[in-house]
Amino acid sequence: MKNKILPGILMILFILDLILITQEDFLFLRFFTKPLLVPLITAIYLSGIAKKTAINSWFLSGLIFSFLGDTFLLFKWGFLPGLGSFLLAHVFYILSFVKLRKAKMLVSIPFILLYLFFLIYFLHPYLKEMEIPVIVYGTTISIMAYFSLRSRNKWLIAGAFLFVISDSLLSFNMFVNYTAVMEQCVMATYVFAQLSLVRGMISNE
């Protein structure tokens, strides 16, 4: 990430997007700011990996489907396509982490399962027909967190667990009680999750 131009543009756009979340009259501008965040993060990944080795196609696919998820979630009808896109993104991230495994980390499994249990238990009264999709999604992101631990890469671990936090906050915001501040927290943890994963993938190549 030696090139500071792309991170600089990303941070400006990211801060603008956070501000727009609280500006109801200008909320439509997020159709321009939010979908550009992951393409910029992708450009940072490609520029960082260019001189080192081949692009990890699984990881790149995860970024592409994250972009699709971001775009779908801007529309009222887009929750299920967005959820499906992010589900596939996490599957691709898992596939990119599998090659990096260095330790079994079996001791972490009970804690990850405990997180998943309490998440579903807390959300259960609010999910209704969305319960099975959310369980599948929660299970997938928990698996991603586990494989990030197996990589022993601090940036991948940070990224995966920031994703867990971001998606947990998103679930609360969508199914329990929406607030603009919570949406800002979702976006903040999400962007830094993606950046951490990029940093981790570049350092592992």
N, C-alpha and C. Protein backbone atom coordinates (compact mmCIF):
# COMPACT_ATOMS: atom_id res chain seq x y z
N MET A 1 0.82 -1.19 0.00
CA MET A 1 0.00 0.00 0.00
C MET A 1 0.87 1.26 0.00
N LYS A 2 1.95 1.25 -0.76
CA LYS A 2 2.84 2.40 -0.81
C LYS A 2 2.18 3.59 -1.50
N ASN A 3 1.31 3.29 -2.45
CA ASN A 3 0.61 4.36 -3.14
C ASN A 3 -0.41 4.99 -2.20
N LYS A 4 -0.22 6.26 -1.88
CA LYS A 4 -1.09 6.93 -0.91
C LYS A 4 -2.28 7.61 -1.56
N ILE A 5 -2.30 7.66 -2.88
CA ILE A 5 -3.39 8.34 -3.58
C ILE A 5 -4.70 7.59 -3.42
N LEU A 6 -4.67 6.28 -3.70
CA LEU A 6 -5.89 5.48 -3.60
C LEU A 6 -6.45 5.45 -2.17
N PRO A 7 -5.61 5.19 -1.14
CA PRO A 7 -6.13 5.26 0.23
C PRO A 7 -6.68 6.64 0.59
N GLY A 8 -6.05 7.69 0.06
CA GLY A 8 -6.52 9.04 0.34
C GLY A 8 -7.90 9.29 -0.24
N ILE A 9 -8.09 8.88 -1.50
CA ILE A 9 -9.41 9.02 -2.14
C ILE A 9 -10.45 8.20 -1.40
N LEU A 10 -10.05 6.99 -1.01
CA LEU A 10 -10.97 6.11 -0.29
C LEU A 10 -11.43 6.75 1.02
N MET A 11 -10.50 7.32 1.78
CA MET A 11 -10.85 7.91 3.07
C MET A 11 -11.78 9.11 2.90
N ILE A 12 -11.53 9.93 1.87
CA ILE A 12 -12.41 11.08 1.61
C ILE A 12 -13.82 10.61 1.29
N LEU A 13 -13.92 9.62 0.40
CA LEU A 13 -15.22 9.08 0.01
C LEU A 13 -15.91 8.39 1.19
N PHE A 14 -15.12 7.70 1.99
CA PHE A 14 -15.64 7.00 3.16
C PHE A 14 -16.22 7.98 4.17
N ILE A 15 -15.50 9.04 4.46
CA ILE A 15 -15.98 10.06 5.41
C ILE A 15 -17.24 10.74 4.87
N LEU A 16 -17.26 11.01 3.57
CA LEU A 16 -18.44 11.61 2.95
C LEU A 16 -19.64 10.68 3.08
N ASP A 17 -19.41 9.39 2.87
CA ASP A 17 -20.50 8.41 2.99
C ASP A 17 -21.04 8.37 4.42
N LEU A 18 -20.15 8.42 5.40
CA LEU A 18 -20.59 8.44 6.80
C LEU A 18 -21.43 9.67 7.11
N ILE A 19 -21.04 10.81 6.56
CA ILE A 19 -21.79 12.05 6.78
C ILE A 19 -23.18 11.95 6.14
N LEU A 20 -23.23 11.40 4.92
CA LEU A 20 -24.50 11.30 4.20
C LEU A 20 -25.51 10.42 4.91
N ILE A 21 -25.04 9.46 5.70
CA ILE A 21 -25.95 8.58 6.44
C ILE A 21 -26.87 9.38 7.34
N THR A 22 -26.37 10.49 7.88
CA THR A 22 -27.15 11.30 8.82
C THR A 22 -27.89 12.44 8.13
N GLN A 23 -27.72 12.58 6.82
CA GLN A 23 -28.36 13.67 6.08
C GLN A 23 -29.51 13.13 5.24
N GLU A 24 -30.68 13.12 5.81
CA GLU A 24 -31.83 12.48 5.15
C GLU A 24 -32.13 13.10 3.79
N ASP A 25 -31.99 14.41 3.66
CA ASP A 25 -32.30 15.08 2.39
C ASP A 25 -31.31 14.73 1.28
N PHE A 26 -30.11 14.28 1.67
CA PHE A 26 -29.07 13.98 0.69
C PHE A 26 -28.70 12.49 0.68
N LEU A 27 -29.58 11.69 1.28
CA LEU A 27 -29.28 10.26 1.40
C LEU A 27 -29.13 9.59 0.04
N PHE A 28 -29.80 10.14 -0.96
CA PHE A 28 -29.72 9.56 -2.31
C PHE A 28 -28.30 9.58 -2.87
N LEU A 29 -27.47 10.47 -2.34
CA LEU A 29 -26.09 10.57 -2.83
C LEU A 29 -25.26 9.34 -2.46
N ARG A 30 -25.76 8.55 -1.51
CA ARG A 30 -25.06 7.31 -1.15
C ARG A 30 -25.08 6.31 -2.29
N PHE A 31 -25.98 6.49 -3.26
CA PHE A 31 -25.97 5.64 -4.44
C PHE A 31 -24.70 5.86 -5.27
N PHE A 32 -24.01 6.97 -5.00
CA PHE A 32 -22.76 7.28 -5.68
C PHE A 32 -21.54 7.00 -4.80
N THR A 33 -21.68 7.24 -3.49
CA THR A 33 -20.51 7.08 -2.60
C THR A 33 -20.30 5.63 -2.17
N LYS A 34 -21.34 4.97 -1.69
CA LYS A 34 -21.18 3.63 -1.13
C LYS A 34 -20.67 2.60 -2.14
N PRO A 35 -21.23 2.54 -3.38
CA PRO A 35 -20.76 1.53 -4.33
C PRO A 35 -19.32 1.73 -4.79
N LEU A 36 -18.74 2.91 -4.54
CA LEU A 36 -17.37 3.16 -4.98
C LEU A 36 -16.33 2.71 -3.96
N LEU A 37 -16.76 2.41 -2.74
CA LEU A 37 -15.80 2.09 -1.68
C LEU A 37 -15.03 0.80 -1.97
N VAL A 38 -15.74 -0.28 -2.26
CA VAL A 38 -15.06 -1.56 -2.49
C VAL A 38 -14.24 -1.55 -3.78
N PRO A 39 -14.70 -0.93 -4.89
CA PRO A 39 -13.81 -0.83 -6.06
C PRO A 39 -12.49 -0.13 -5.73
N LEU A 40 -12.52 0.89 -4.88
CA LEU A 40 -11.28 1.55 -4.49
C LEU A 40 -10.42 0.61 -3.64
N ILE A 41 -11.06 -0.13 -2.73
CA ILE A 41 -10.33 -1.11 -1.91
C ILE A 41 -9.74 -2.19 -2.81
N THR A 42 -10.49 -2.60 -3.83
CA THR A 42 -9.99 -3.59 -4.79
C THR A 42 -8.78 -3.05 -5.55
N ALA A 43 -8.85 -1.78 -5.92
CA ALA A 43 -7.71 -1.15 -6.62
C ALA A 43 -6.48 -1.11 -5.72
N ILE A 44 -6.69 -0.88 -4.43
CA ILE A 44 -5.58 -0.90 -3.47
C ILE A 44 -4.97 -2.30 -3.41
N TYR A 45 -5.82 -3.32 -3.39
CA TYR A 45 -5.33 -4.71 -3.38
C TYR A 45 -4.52 -5.00 -4.64
N LEU A 46 -5.06 -4.64 -5.79
CA LEU A 46 -4.39 -4.95 -7.06
C LEU A 46 -3.06 -4.20 -7.19
N SER A 47 -3.04 -2.95 -6.72
CA SER A 47 -1.79 -2.19 -6.80
C SER A 47 -0.76 -2.71 -5.81
N GLY A 48 -1.22 -3.23 -4.68
CA GLY A 48 -0.31 -3.76 -3.68
C GLY A 48 0.25 -5.11 -4.04
N ILE A 49 -0.52 -5.89 -4.78
CA ILE A 49 -0.10 -7.25 -5.11
C ILE A 49 0.66 -7.31 -6.43
N ALA A 50 0.52 -6.26 -7.24
CA ALA A 50 1.03 -6.28 -8.62
C ALA A 50 2.49 -6.68 -8.74
N LYS A 51 3.34 -6.18 -7.86
CA LYS A 51 4.78 -6.43 -7.99
C LYS A 51 5.25 -7.62 -7.17
N LYS A 52 4.30 -8.35 -6.54
CA LYS A 52 4.71 -9.43 -5.64
C LYS A 52 4.46 -10.81 -6.23
N THR A 53 3.23 -11.05 -6.63
CA THR A 53 2.89 -12.38 -7.12
C THR A 53 1.56 -12.33 -7.86
N ALA A 54 1.04 -13.49 -8.22
CA ALA A 54 -0.23 -13.54 -8.95
C ALA A 54 -1.38 -13.13 -8.04
N ILE A 55 -2.43 -12.61 -8.66
CA ILE A 55 -3.63 -12.21 -7.92
C ILE A 55 -4.34 -13.46 -7.41
N ASN A 56 -4.80 -13.39 -6.17
CA ASN A 56 -5.59 -14.48 -5.60
C ASN A 56 -7.02 -14.34 -6.14
N SER A 57 -7.40 -15.20 -7.07
CA SER A 57 -8.70 -15.07 -7.73
C SER A 57 -9.87 -15.26 -6.78
N TRP A 58 -9.69 -16.13 -5.76
CA TRP A 58 -10.76 -16.32 -4.78
C TRP A 58 -11.01 -15.03 -4.00
N PHE A 59 -9.93 -14.40 -3.57
CA PHE A 59 -10.07 -13.17 -2.80
C PHE A 59 -10.65 -12.05 -3.65
N LEU A 60 -10.20 -11.95 -4.89
CA LEU A 60 -10.73 -10.94 -5.80
C LEU A 60 -12.22 -11.15 -6.03
N SER A 61 -12.63 -12.41 -6.14
CA SER A 61 -14.06 -12.72 -6.30
C SER A 61 -14.85 -12.26 -5.08
N GLY A 62 -14.25 -12.43 -3.89
CA GLY A 62 -14.90 -11.96 -2.67
C GLY A 62 -15.12 -10.46 -2.69
N LEU A 63 -14.14 -9.72 -3.18
CA LEU A 63 -14.28 -8.26 -3.27
C LEU A 63 -15.37 -7.89 -4.28
N ILE A 64 -15.42 -8.60 -5.39
CA ILE A 64 -16.43 -8.30 -6.42
C ILE A 64 -17.83 -8.53 -5.88
N PHE A 65 -18.02 -9.64 -5.17
CA PHE A 65 -19.35 -9.92 -4.62
C PHE A 65 -19.68 -8.99 -3.44
N SER A 66 -18.67 -8.49 -2.75
CA SER A 66 -18.91 -7.47 -1.72
C SER A 66 -19.45 -6.19 -2.36
N PHE A 67 -18.88 -5.83 -3.50
CA PHE A 67 -19.37 -4.67 -4.26
C PHE A 67 -20.84 -4.86 -4.65
N LEU A 68 -21.17 -6.05 -5.13
CA LEU A 68 -22.55 -6.33 -5.50
C LEU A 68 -23.47 -6.25 -4.29
N GLY A 69 -23.00 -6.79 -3.15
CA GLY A 69 -23.79 -6.73 -1.93
C GLY A 69 -24.05 -5.30 -1.49
N ASP A 70 -23.01 -4.47 -1.53
CA ASP A 70 -23.16 -3.05 -1.19
C ASP A 70 -24.22 -2.38 -2.07
N THR A 71 -24.17 -2.68 -3.34
CA THR A 71 -25.09 -2.05 -4.29
C THR A 71 -26.52 -2.51 -4.06
N PHE A 72 -26.73 -3.81 -3.89
CA PHE A 72 -28.08 -4.33 -3.67
C PHE A 72 -28.70 -3.76 -2.39
N LEU A 73 -27.89 -3.62 -1.34
CA LEU A 73 -28.43 -3.17 -0.06
C LEU A 73 -28.85 -1.70 -0.06
N LEU A 74 -28.54 -0.98 -1.12
CA LEU A 74 -29.01 0.39 -1.24
C LEU A 74 -30.49 0.46 -1.59
N PHE A 75 -31.02 -0.64 -2.09
CA PHE A 75 -32.43 -0.67 -2.51
C PHE A 75 -33.29 -1.40 -1.47
N LYS A 76 -34.53 -0.96 -1.33
CA LYS A 76 -35.43 -1.58 -0.35
C LYS A 76 -35.68 -3.05 -0.68
N TRP A 77 -35.68 -3.37 -1.98
CA TRP A 77 -35.94 -4.75 -2.41
C TRP A 77 -34.67 -5.60 -2.41
N GLY A 78 -33.53 -4.99 -2.07
CA GLY A 78 -32.25 -5.66 -2.31
C GLY A 78 -31.67 -6.44 -1.15
N PHE A 79 -32.45 -6.66 -0.07
CA PHE A 79 -31.84 -7.34 1.08
C PHE A 79 -31.41 -8.77 0.75
N LEU A 80 -32.30 -9.55 0.17
CA LEU A 80 -31.95 -10.95 -0.12
C LEU A 80 -30.84 -11.06 -1.16
N PRO A 81 -30.89 -10.32 -2.28
CA PRO A 81 -29.74 -10.36 -3.20
C PRO A 81 -28.46 -9.88 -2.54
N GLY A 82 -28.58 -8.86 -1.67
CA GLY A 82 -27.40 -8.38 -0.96
C GLY A 82 -26.85 -9.41 -0.01
N LEU A 83 -27.75 -10.07 0.72
CA LEU A 83 -27.33 -11.13 1.65
C LEU A 83 -26.66 -12.26 0.89
N GLY A 84 -27.25 -12.64 -0.26
CA GLY A 84 -26.67 -13.71 -1.07
C GLY A 84 -25.31 -13.33 -1.62
N SER A 85 -25.16 -12.07 -2.02
CA SER A 85 -23.87 -11.61 -2.55
C SER A 85 -22.79 -11.66 -1.48
N PHE A 86 -23.12 -11.19 -0.28
CA PHE A 86 -22.14 -11.21 0.81
C PHE A 86 -21.87 -12.64 1.29
N LEU A 87 -22.88 -13.49 1.20
CA LEU A 87 -22.67 -14.90 1.55
C LEU A 87 -21.61 -15.50 0.62
N LEU A 88 -21.75 -15.25 -0.68
CA LEU A 88 -20.77 -15.75 -1.65
C LEU A 88 -19.40 -15.09 -1.43
N ALA A 89 -19.41 -13.79 -1.09
CA ALA A 89 -18.15 -13.11 -0.81
C ALA A 89 -17.40 -13.79 0.32
N HIS A 90 -18.11 -14.16 1.38
CA HIS A 90 -17.47 -14.82 2.51
C HIS A 90 -17.00 -16.23 2.15
N VAL A 91 -17.76 -16.91 1.30
CA VAL A 91 -17.32 -18.23 0.83
C VAL A 91 -16.00 -18.09 0.07
N PHE A 92 -15.91 -17.09 -0.79
CA PHE A 92 -14.67 -16.86 -1.54
C PHE A 92 -13.52 -16.46 -0.61
N TYR A 93 -13.82 -15.68 0.42
CA TYR A 93 -12.78 -15.32 1.39
C TYR A 93 -12.29 -16.57 2.12
N ILE A 94 -13.22 -17.44 2.48
CA ILE A 94 -12.84 -18.70 3.14
C ILE A 94 -11.91 -19.50 2.25
N LEU A 95 -12.27 -19.61 0.97
CA LEU A 95 -11.44 -20.37 0.02
C LEU A 95 -10.05 -19.76 -0.13
N SER A 96 -9.96 -18.43 -0.03
CA SER A 96 -8.65 -17.79 -0.13
C SER A 96 -7.85 -17.98 1.15
N PHE A 97 -8.53 -18.16 2.30
CA PHE A 97 -7.84 -18.37 3.57
C PHE A 97 -7.34 -19.80 3.73
N VAL A 98 -8.08 -20.76 3.12
CA VAL A 98 -7.76 -22.18 3.31
C VAL A 98 -6.32 -22.48 2.93
N LYS A 99 -5.84 -21.87 1.86
CA LYS A 99 -4.47 -22.11 1.40
C LYS A 99 -3.42 -21.57 2.38
N LEU A 100 -3.85 -20.69 3.28
CA LEU A 100 -2.91 -20.04 4.17
C LEU A 100 -2.86 -20.69 5.56
N ARG A 101 -3.62 -21.77 5.75
CA ARG A 101 -3.74 -22.33 7.10
C ARG A 101 -2.38 -22.79 7.63
N LYS A 102 -2.13 -22.43 8.89
CA LYS A 102 -0.87 -22.77 9.53
C LYS A 102 -1.07 -23.51 10.86
N ALA A 103 -2.27 -23.39 11.42
CA ALA A 103 -2.56 -24.04 12.70
C ALA A 103 -4.03 -24.44 12.74
N LYS A 104 -4.35 -25.46 13.52
CA LYS A 104 -5.73 -25.95 13.57
C LYS A 104 -6.65 -25.05 14.39
N MET A 105 -6.14 -24.46 15.46
CA MET A 105 -6.91 -23.53 16.30
C MET A 105 -8.24 -24.11 16.75
N LEU A 106 -8.24 -25.39 17.10
CA LEU A 106 -9.49 -26.04 17.53
C LEU A 106 -10.05 -25.42 18.80
N VAL A 107 -9.18 -24.84 19.60
CA VAL A 107 -9.62 -24.24 20.86
C VAL A 107 -10.57 -23.07 20.63
N SER A 108 -10.52 -22.48 19.44
CA SER A 108 -11.37 -21.32 19.14
C SER A 108 -12.80 -21.72 18.78
N ILE A 109 -13.01 -22.97 18.39
CA ILE A 109 -14.32 -23.39 17.88
C ILE A 109 -15.44 -23.20 18.89
N PRO A 110 -15.28 -23.60 20.17
CA PRO A 110 -16.38 -23.37 21.13
C PRO A 110 -16.76 -21.90 21.26
N PHE A 111 -15.80 -21.01 21.21
CA PHE A 111 -16.08 -19.59 21.36
C PHE A 111 -16.82 -19.04 20.14
N ILE A 112 -16.43 -19.53 18.96
CA ILE A 112 -17.11 -19.11 17.73
C ILE A 112 -18.55 -19.63 17.72
N LEU A 113 -18.73 -20.89 18.14
CA LEU A 113 -20.08 -21.46 18.22
C LEU A 113 -20.93 -20.72 19.24
N LEU A 114 -20.31 -20.30 20.32
CA LEU A 114 -21.03 -19.56 21.36
C LEU A 114 -21.51 -18.22 20.81
N TYR A 115 -20.65 -17.55 20.05
CA TYR A 115 -21.06 -16.30 19.41
C TYR A 115 -22.25 -16.54 18.51
N LEU A 116 -22.18 -17.57 17.66
CA LEU A 116 -23.24 -17.86 16.71
C LEU A 116 -24.55 -18.17 17.43
N PHE A 117 -24.47 -18.94 18.51
CA PHE A 117 -25.67 -19.30 19.28
C PHE A 117 -26.34 -18.06 19.85
N PHE A 118 -25.56 -17.19 20.49
CA PHE A 118 -26.14 -16.00 21.11
C PHE A 118 -26.67 -15.02 20.08
N LEU A 119 -26.01 -14.94 18.92
CA LEU A 119 -26.50 -14.07 17.85
C LEU A 119 -27.88 -14.51 17.39
N ILE A 120 -28.02 -15.79 17.08
CA ILE A 120 -29.30 -16.31 16.61
C ILE A 120 -30.35 -16.25 17.71
N TYR A 121 -29.94 -16.56 18.94
CA TYR A 121 -30.87 -16.53 20.07
C TYR A 121 -31.43 -15.11 20.27
N PHE A 122 -30.56 -14.11 20.16
CA PHE A 122 -30.99 -12.73 20.35
C PHE A 122 -31.88 -12.26 19.21
N LEU A 123 -31.52 -12.63 17.98
CA LEU A 123 -32.27 -12.15 16.81
C LEU A 123 -33.54 -12.94 16.54
N HIS A 124 -33.63 -14.14 17.09
CA HIS A 124 -34.74 -15.05 16.78
C HIS A 124 -36.13 -14.40 16.81
N PRO A 125 -36.48 -13.64 17.85
CA PRO A 125 -37.85 -13.06 17.89
C PRO A 125 -38.13 -12.08 16.76
N TYR A 126 -37.11 -11.58 16.10
CA TYR A 126 -37.28 -10.54 15.09
C TYR A 126 -37.15 -11.05 13.65
N LEU A 127 -36.65 -12.26 13.47
CA LEU A 127 -36.28 -12.72 12.13
C LEU A 127 -37.46 -13.22 11.30
N LYS A 128 -38.38 -13.95 11.92
CA LYS A 128 -39.53 -14.52 11.23
C LYS A 128 -39.08 -15.36 10.02
N GLU A 129 -39.53 -14.99 8.79
CA GLU A 129 -39.19 -15.80 7.62
C GLU A 129 -37.72 -15.68 7.21
N MET A 130 -37.00 -14.75 7.83
CA MET A 130 -35.59 -14.57 7.50
C MET A 130 -34.67 -15.40 8.39
N GLU A 131 -35.22 -16.20 9.25
CA GLU A 131 -34.40 -16.92 10.22
C GLU A 131 -33.39 -17.86 9.55
N ILE A 132 -33.83 -18.68 8.61
CA ILE A 132 -32.92 -19.64 7.98
C ILE A 132 -31.82 -18.93 7.18
N PRO A 133 -32.15 -17.92 6.33
CA PRO A 133 -31.07 -17.20 5.63
C PRO A 133 -30.05 -16.57 6.59
N VAL A 134 -30.53 -16.02 7.70
CA VAL A 134 -29.61 -15.39 8.66
C VAL A 134 -28.75 -16.44 9.36
N ILE A 135 -29.33 -17.59 9.66
CA ILE A 135 -28.55 -18.68 10.28
C ILE A 135 -27.45 -19.15 9.33
N VAL A 136 -27.80 -19.32 8.06
CA VAL A 136 -26.82 -19.75 7.05
C VAL A 136 -25.71 -18.71 6.93
N TYR A 137 -26.10 -17.45 6.89
CA TYR A 137 -25.12 -16.37 6.76
C TYR A 137 -24.23 -16.30 8.00
N GLY A 138 -24.85 -16.37 9.18
CA GLY A 138 -24.08 -16.32 10.43
C GLY A 138 -23.10 -17.48 10.53
N THR A 139 -23.52 -18.65 10.08
CA THR A 139 -22.63 -19.82 10.10
C THR A 139 -21.45 -19.60 9.16
N THR A 140 -21.72 -19.05 7.99
CA THR A 140 -20.66 -18.82 7.00
C THR A 140 -19.62 -17.83 7.51
N ILE A 141 -20.07 -16.73 8.10
CA ILE A 141 -19.11 -15.74 8.58
C ILE A 141 -18.35 -16.26 9.79
N SER A 142 -18.96 -17.16 10.56
CA SER A 142 -18.26 -17.78 11.68
C SER A 142 -17.15 -18.69 11.17
N ILE A 143 -17.43 -19.42 10.09
CA ILE A 143 -16.41 -20.27 9.47
C ILE A 143 -15.26 -19.42 8.93
N MET A 144 -15.61 -18.26 8.35
CA MET A 144 -14.56 -17.36 7.86
C MET A 144 -13.66 -16.90 9.01
N ALA A 145 -14.29 -16.57 10.15
CA ALA A 145 -13.51 -16.13 11.31
C ALA A 145 -12.56 -17.25 11.76
N TYR A 146 -13.05 -18.49 11.74
CA TYR A 146 -12.22 -19.62 12.15
C TYR A 146 -11.01 -19.79 11.23
N PHE A 147 -11.24 -19.73 9.92
CA PHE A 147 -10.12 -19.92 8.99
C PHE A 147 -9.15 -18.73 9.01
N SER A 148 -9.64 -17.56 9.39
CA SER A 148 -8.71 -16.44 9.55
C SER A 148 -7.77 -16.71 10.72
N LEU A 149 -8.29 -17.29 11.78
CA LEU A 149 -7.46 -17.65 12.94
C LEU A 149 -6.41 -18.68 12.55
N ARG A 150 -6.79 -19.62 11.70
CA ARG A 150 -5.86 -20.66 11.27
C ARG A 150 -4.71 -20.10 10.43
N SER A 151 -4.93 -18.95 9.82
CA SER A 151 -3.88 -18.36 8.98
C SER A 151 -2.75 -17.78 9.81
N ARG A 152 -3.04 -17.47 11.10
CA ARG A 152 -2.07 -16.81 11.99
C ARG A 152 -1.60 -15.46 11.44
N ASN A 153 -2.40 -14.87 10.55
CA ASN A 153 -2.09 -13.56 9.99
C ASN A 153 -2.92 -12.52 10.74
N LYS A 154 -2.26 -11.61 11.45
CA LYS A 154 -2.97 -10.67 12.32
C LYS A 154 -3.94 -9.78 11.55
N TRP A 155 -3.59 -9.44 10.29
CA TRP A 155 -4.46 -8.58 9.51
C TRP A 155 -5.71 -9.32 9.04
N LEU A 156 -5.54 -10.58 8.64
CA LEU A 156 -6.71 -11.38 8.24
C LEU A 156 -7.62 -11.64 9.43
N ILE A 157 -7.03 -11.89 10.58
CA ILE A 157 -7.83 -12.11 11.80
C ILE A 157 -8.60 -10.84 12.16
N ALA A 158 -7.90 -9.70 12.12
CA ALA A 158 -8.56 -8.42 12.42
C ALA A 158 -9.69 -8.16 11.44
N GLY A 159 -9.44 -8.40 10.15
CA GLY A 159 -10.45 -8.17 9.13
C GLY A 159 -11.67 -9.05 9.31
N ALA A 160 -11.43 -10.34 9.58
CA ALA A 160 -12.54 -11.27 9.75
C ALA A 160 -13.40 -10.91 10.96
N PHE A 161 -12.76 -10.54 12.05
CA PHE A 161 -13.53 -10.24 13.26
C PHE A 161 -14.19 -8.87 13.19
N LEU A 162 -13.59 -7.93 12.44
CA LEU A 162 -14.29 -6.68 12.18
C LEU A 162 -15.53 -6.93 11.32
N PHE A 163 -15.43 -7.89 10.42
CA PHE A 163 -16.58 -8.28 9.60
C PHE A 163 -17.68 -8.88 10.49
N VAL A 164 -17.28 -9.71 11.44
CA VAL A 164 -18.24 -10.30 12.37
C VAL A 164 -18.97 -9.19 13.14
N ILE A 165 -18.21 -8.22 13.63
CA ILE A 165 -18.81 -7.10 14.36
C ILE A 165 -19.74 -6.30 13.45
N SER A 166 -19.26 -5.99 12.24
CA SER A 166 -20.05 -5.21 11.30
C SER A 166 -21.37 -5.90 10.96
N ASP A 167 -21.31 -7.20 10.66
CA ASP A 167 -22.52 -7.92 10.29
C ASP A 167 -23.46 -8.10 11.49
N SER A 168 -22.91 -8.23 12.68
CA SER A 168 -23.74 -8.33 13.88
C SER A 168 -24.49 -7.01 14.11
N LEU A 169 -23.78 -5.88 13.96
CA LEU A 169 -24.41 -4.57 14.10
C LEU A 169 -25.46 -4.35 13.01
N LEU A 170 -25.14 -4.80 11.80
CA LEU A 170 -26.09 -4.68 10.70
C LEU A 170 -27.37 -5.45 10.98
N SER A 171 -27.23 -6.66 11.52
CA SER A 171 -28.40 -7.47 11.86
C SER A 171 -29.27 -6.76 12.88
N PHE A 172 -28.65 -6.20 13.91
CA PHE A 172 -29.39 -5.46 14.92
C PHE A 172 -30.09 -4.26 14.29
N ASN A 173 -29.39 -3.56 13.42
CA ASN A 173 -29.94 -2.35 12.81
C ASN A 173 -31.10 -2.65 11.88
N MET A 174 -31.04 -3.81 11.20
CA MET A 174 -32.08 -4.14 10.23
C MET A 174 -33.29 -4.80 10.87
N PHE A 175 -33.05 -5.63 11.88
CA PHE A 175 -34.15 -6.43 12.42
C PHE A 175 -34.68 -5.95 13.77
N VAL A 176 -33.89 -5.19 14.50
CA VAL A 176 -34.30 -4.82 15.85
C VAL A 176 -34.63 -3.34 15.94
N ASN A 177 -33.65 -2.48 15.71
CA ASN A 177 -33.89 -1.04 15.86
C ASN A 177 -32.88 -0.25 15.04
N TYR A 178 -33.37 0.42 13.99
CA TYR A 178 -32.46 1.17 13.12
C TYR A 178 -32.12 2.52 13.72
N THR A 179 -30.83 2.88 13.67
CA THR A 179 -30.38 4.25 13.97
C THR A 179 -29.28 4.60 12.98
N ALA A 180 -29.17 5.88 12.67
CA ALA A 180 -28.14 6.34 11.74
C ALA A 180 -26.75 6.13 12.34
N VAL A 181 -26.63 6.31 13.65
CA VAL A 181 -25.33 6.13 14.31
C VAL A 181 -24.87 4.68 14.17
N MET A 182 -25.81 3.75 14.34
CA MET A 182 -25.47 2.34 14.19
C MET A 182 -25.05 2.04 12.76
N GLU A 183 -25.73 2.67 11.79
CA GLU A 183 -25.36 2.49 10.39
C GLU A 183 -23.94 2.98 10.13
N GLN A 184 -23.57 4.08 10.77
CA GLN A 184 -22.20 4.58 10.65
C GLN A 184 -21.20 3.58 11.23
N CYS A 185 -21.56 2.97 12.35
CA CYS A 185 -20.69 1.96 12.96
C CYS A 185 -20.55 0.74 12.06
N VAL A 186 -21.65 0.37 11.41
CA VAL A 186 -21.63 -0.75 10.46
C VAL A 186 -20.66 -0.46 9.33
N MET A 187 -20.76 0.73 8.75
CA MET A 187 -19.90 1.09 7.63
C MET A 187 -18.44 1.23 8.05
N ALA A 188 -18.21 1.79 9.23
CA ALA A 188 -16.83 1.97 9.70
C ALA A 188 -16.14 0.62 9.88
N THR A 189 -16.81 -0.30 10.58
CA THR A 189 -16.21 -1.62 10.81
C THR A 189 -16.09 -2.39 9.49
N TYR A 190 -17.05 -2.19 8.58
CA TYR A 190 -17.03 -2.88 7.30
C TYR A 190 -15.84 -2.45 6.43
N VAL A 191 -15.65 -1.14 6.29
CA VAL A 191 -14.56 -0.63 5.46
C VAL A 191 -13.20 -1.05 6.01
N PHE A 192 -13.04 -0.93 7.33
CA PHE A 192 -11.76 -1.32 7.92
C PHE A 192 -11.57 -2.84 7.91
N ALA A 193 -12.67 -3.58 7.90
CA ALA A 193 -12.58 -5.04 7.74
C ALA A 193 -12.01 -5.37 6.37
N GLN A 194 -12.56 -4.76 5.34
CA GLN A 194 -12.09 -5.02 3.98
C GLN A 194 -10.63 -4.59 3.81
N LEU A 195 -10.29 -3.43 4.36
CA LEU A 195 -8.91 -2.96 4.25
C LEU A 195 -7.94 -3.89 4.98
N SER A 196 -8.36 -4.39 6.13
CA SER A 196 -7.51 -5.32 6.89
C SER A 196 -7.31 -6.62 6.13
N LEU A 197 -8.38 -7.12 5.49
CA LEU A 197 -8.25 -8.34 4.70
C LEU A 197 -7.29 -8.11 3.53
N VAL A 198 -7.41 -6.96 2.89
CA VAL A 198 -6.49 -6.63 1.79
C VAL A 198 -5.04 -6.60 2.28
N ARG A 199 -4.83 -5.94 3.40
CA ARG A 199 -3.47 -5.86 3.97
C ARG A 199 -2.96 -7.27 4.28
N GLY A 200 -3.83 -8.10 4.83
CA GLY A 200 -3.45 -9.47 5.17
C GLY A 200 -3.10 -10.30 3.95
N MET A 201 -3.90 -10.16 2.89
CA MET A 201 -3.65 -10.95 1.67
C MET A 201 -2.35 -10.50 1.00
N ILE A 202 -2.10 -9.19 1.01
CA ILE A 202 -0.87 -8.69 0.39
C ILE A 202 0.35 -9.18 1.18
N SER A 203 0.26 -9.17 2.50
CA SER A 203 1.41 -9.58 3.32
C SER A 203 1.65 -11.08 3.27
N ASN A 204 0.62 -11.84 2.89
CA ASN A 204 0.76 -13.30 2.84
C ASN A 204 1.26 -13.79 1.51
N GLU A 205 1.22 -12.94 0.49
CA GLU A 205 1.63 -13.37 -0.85
C GLU A 205 3.14 -13.26 -1.03
